[in-house]
Amino acid sequence: MFHKFLIALFFTIATVSCKTPEAREPVQRSSGTFYEASAKRNKEIFETEKQQILAIIEKNSQNSYISSDSGFWYFYNTQDTLQSKMPQLGDEVTFTYNIKKLDGTIVLSESENGLESYRIDQNNQELVSGLRDGIKLMKEGETVTFLLPSYKAYGYYGIEGKLGTNVPIQSTVTLKSIEQTPEN
């Protein structure tokens, strides 16, 4: 009799303990308002910067500004209409550039930056996304001035001791050479 009782107890315990696991509820719930507020703030920053850039473009009628698909504006200081070769994925380019605030105050001069070398879309160098995109629009020997909103420039981080956060910039770039890689 005791033996039957133990078997019954064993099956009862086994049946009760085979319950599927239940999901635990989070202790704290997030509603996503932080992300919504951040997105709204960033849109406002961009609109303010865009108006600043458009005001500069309006005042400077001697240059023919082009709006890029990447979200910045530029004009050619020196344009080569005869050459058609532009940098492609993997090409090694050398160039010089400067960084200025929109009012023309120099942040980093061409001599401070020196001659830069960059492999198109192959590595994560400390080149801001606006310049990475802009160099792809240039031909060898051309000089272009880019007006970049802060999200295409140094954004939230700025340049320590030289450029604050969320500051739009202008940069004049001269593309010295394009070296094709064997893959191209």
Protein backbone atom coordinates (compact mmCIF):
# COMPACT_ATOMS: atom_id res chain seq x y z
CA MET A 1 0.00 0.00 0.00
CA PHE A 2 2.78 2.39 0.92
CA HIS A 3 4.46 1.54 -2.34
CA LYS A 4 1.33 2.60 -4.35
CA PHE A 5 1.19 5.82 -2.35
CA LEU A 6 4.82 6.68 -3.27
CA ILE A 7 4.17 5.99 -6.96
CA ALA A 8 1.06 8.21 -6.91
CA LEU A 9 2.99 10.95 -5.10
CA PHE A 10 5.82 10.71 -7.65
CA PHE A 11 3.42 11.07 -10.62
CA THR A 12 1.65 13.99 -8.95
CA ILE A 13 4.92 15.83 -8.36
CA ALA A 14 6.11 15.07 -11.91
CA THR A 15 2.86 16.35 -13.42
CA VAL A 16 2.87 19.59 -11.41
CA SER A 17 6.56 20.32 -12.04
CA CYS A 18 6.27 19.94 -15.86
CA LYS A 19 4.64 23.34 -16.20
CA THR A 20 5.95 25.49 -19.09
CA PRO A 21 8.06 28.51 -18.11
CA GLU A 22 6.25 31.81 -17.88
CA ALA A 23 7.68 35.06 -19.19
CA ARG A 24 8.67 37.48 -16.48
CA GLU A 25 7.28 40.99 -16.60
CA PRO A 26 9.84 43.82 -16.74
CA VAL A 27 10.33 45.71 -13.51
CA GLN A 28 10.38 49.02 -15.38
CA ARG A 29 8.63 49.81 -18.63
CA SER A 30 9.95 52.23 -21.24
CA SER A 31 7.50 54.14 -23.38
CA GLY A 32 9.95 55.35 -26.05
CA THR A 33 9.44 59.03 -25.24
CA PHE A 34 13.21 59.56 -24.94
CA TYR A 35 13.72 58.46 -28.56
CA GLU A 36 10.80 60.54 -29.77
CA ALA A 37 12.14 63.62 -27.98
CA SER A 38 15.65 62.99 -29.33
CA ALA A 39 14.37 62.63 -32.91
CA LYS A 40 12.33 65.82 -32.56
CA ARG A 41 15.33 67.72 -31.14
CA ASN A 42 17.61 66.50 -33.97
CA LYS A 43 15.07 67.56 -36.61
CA GLU A 44 14.90 71.02 -35.04
CA ILE A 45 18.70 71.28 -34.99
CA PHE A 46 18.88 70.27 -38.66
CA GLU A 47 16.22 72.79 -39.69
CA THR A 48 18.06 75.60 -37.87
CA GLU A 49 21.37 74.63 -39.50
CA LYS A 50 19.72 74.29 -42.90
CA GLN A 51 18.35 77.83 -42.61
CA GLN A 52 21.82 79.13 -41.68
CA ILE A 53 23.35 77.40 -44.72
CA LEU A 54 20.59 78.60 -47.08
CA ALA A 55 21.11 82.17 -45.83
CA ILE A 56 24.83 81.90 -46.72
CA ILE A 57 23.95 80.51 -50.14
CA GLU A 58 21.47 83.34 -50.74
CA LYS A 59 24.08 86.00 -49.83
CA ASN A 60 26.77 84.40 -52.00
CA SER A 61 25.26 84.65 -55.49
CA GLN A 62 28.66 84.52 -57.23
CA ASN A 63 28.92 80.74 -56.63
CA SER A 64 26.58 78.15 -58.05
CA TYR A 65 25.68 75.88 -55.14
CA ILE A 66 24.56 72.30 -55.64
CA SER A 67 22.46 70.37 -53.15
CA SER A 68 23.72 66.80 -52.73
CA ASP A 69 21.59 63.72 -52.22
CA SER A 70 23.57 63.12 -49.01
CA GLY A 71 22.25 66.24 -47.25
CA PHE A 72 24.90 68.92 -47.79
CA TRP A 73 25.60 71.75 -50.24
CA TYR A 74 28.71 72.48 -52.30
CA PHE A 75 30.20 74.57 -55.08
CA TYR A 76 33.22 74.19 -57.32
CA ASN A 77 36.11 76.58 -56.74
CA THR A 78 38.00 74.80 -59.54
CA GLN A 79 36.16 72.40 -61.84
CA ASP A 80 37.59 70.08 -64.47
CA THR A 81 34.94 69.49 -67.15
CA LEU A 82 37.26 67.49 -69.43
CA GLN A 83 38.12 64.69 -67.03
CA SER A 84 35.54 62.04 -66.21
CA LYS A 85 37.41 59.85 -63.72
CA MET A 86 35.91 60.03 -60.23
CA PRO A 87 36.91 57.95 -57.20
CA GLN A 88 35.36 54.49 -57.03
CA LEU A 89 35.04 51.98 -54.21
CA GLY A 90 38.53 51.00 -53.04
CA ASP A 91 40.45 53.77 -54.84
CA GLU A 92 43.20 55.52 -52.88
CA VAL A 93 42.82 59.31 -52.97
CA THR A 94 45.08 62.04 -51.64
CA PHE A 95 43.67 65.46 -50.82
CA THR A 96 44.03 68.56 -48.68
CA TYR A 97 41.24 70.23 -46.76
CA ASN A 98 40.42 72.81 -44.13
CA ILE A 99 37.59 73.15 -41.63
CA LYS A 100 35.87 76.50 -40.99
CA LYS A 101 32.79 77.61 -39.16
CA LEU A 102 30.06 79.00 -41.40
CA ASP A 103 31.19 82.55 -40.58
CA GLY A 104 34.65 81.74 -42.04
CA THR A 105 36.53 81.31 -38.75
CA ILE A 106 39.27 78.73 -39.31
CA VAL A 107 39.00 75.68 -37.02
CA LEU A 108 41.62 73.48 -38.72
CA SER A 109 43.80 74.89 -41.49
CA GLU A 110 45.01 73.00 -44.53
CA SER A 111 48.55 73.05 -43.12
CA GLU A 112 47.38 71.58 -39.79
CA ASN A 113 45.65 68.71 -41.61
CA GLY A 114 48.44 68.18 -44.14
CA LEU A 115 48.13 65.88 -47.13
CA GLU A 116 45.54 63.22 -46.34
CA SER A 117 45.23 59.77 -47.84
CA TYR A 118 41.92 57.92 -47.87
CA ARG A 119 40.72 54.64 -49.39
CA ILE A 120 37.18 55.18 -50.66
CA ASP A 121 34.63 53.35 -48.48
CA GLN A 122 37.20 50.82 -47.27
CA ASN A 123 38.13 51.90 -43.78
CA ASN A 124 36.83 53.90 -40.90
CA GLN A 125 39.19 56.84 -40.84
CA GLU A 126 38.57 59.94 -38.83
CA LEU A 127 37.08 61.69 -41.83
CA VAL A 128 33.59 63.08 -41.31
CA SER A 129 30.81 61.51 -43.37
CA GLY A 130 30.14 64.72 -45.34
CA LEU A 131 33.72 64.79 -46.63
CA ARG A 132 33.70 61.05 -47.36
CA ASP A 133 30.57 61.56 -49.47
CA GLY A 134 31.86 64.79 -51.02
CA ILE A 135 35.17 63.36 -52.20
CA LYS A 136 33.26 60.80 -54.26
CA LEU A 137 31.74 63.71 -56.24
CA MET A 138 35.13 65.18 -57.21
CA LYS A 139 37.60 64.64 -60.02
CA GLU A 140 41.38 64.82 -59.78
CA GLY A 141 42.63 68.44 -59.54
CA GLU A 142 39.27 69.91 -58.52
CA THR A 143 38.71 72.14 -55.51
CA VAL A 144 35.27 72.12 -53.92
CA THR A 145 33.81 73.95 -50.93
CA PHE A 146 31.29 71.94 -48.91
CA LEU A 147 28.72 73.35 -46.49
CA LEU A 148 27.93 70.58 -44.03
CA PRO A 149 25.22 70.47 -41.37
CA SER A 150 26.54 69.17 -38.05
CA TYR A 151 25.18 65.65 -38.52
CA LYS A 152 27.40 65.30 -41.63
CA ALA A 153 30.33 66.97 -39.82
CA TYR A 154 31.45 66.60 -36.22
CA GLY A 155 27.94 66.44 -34.74
CA TYR A 156 27.47 65.95 -31.05
CA TYR A 157 31.18 65.46 -30.32
CA GLY A 158 32.69 68.48 -32.05
CA ILE A 159 36.47 68.94 -31.96
CA GLU A 160 37.83 69.20 -28.45
CA GLY A 161 38.87 72.75 -27.68
CA LYS A 162 38.18 73.97 -31.24
CA LEU A 163 34.59 73.27 -32.33
CA GLY A 164 31.53 72.93 -30.14
CA THR A 165 28.72 70.42 -30.42
CA ASN A 166 26.19 70.56 -33.25
CA VAL A 167 28.06 73.21 -35.25
CA PRO A 168 27.68 73.24 -39.06
CA ILE A 169 30.92 73.74 -40.97
CA GLN A 170 32.36 74.59 -44.34
CA SER A 171 35.34 72.80 -45.78
CA THR A 172 37.38 73.43 -48.91
CA VAL A 173 38.85 70.23 -50.35
CA THR A 174 41.39 69.87 -53.15
CA LEU A 175 41.61 66.37 -54.63
CA LYS A 176 45.26 65.83 -55.54
CA SER A 177 45.24 62.29 -56.95
CA ILE A 178 43.16 59.17 -57.51
CA GLU A 179 44.99 55.84 -57.56
CA GLN A 180 42.94 52.93 -58.80
CA THR A 181 43.35 49.67 -56.97
CA PRO A 182 43.80 46.37 -58.83
CA GLU A 183 40.20 45.41 -58.02
CA ASN A 184 38.96 48.37 -60.08
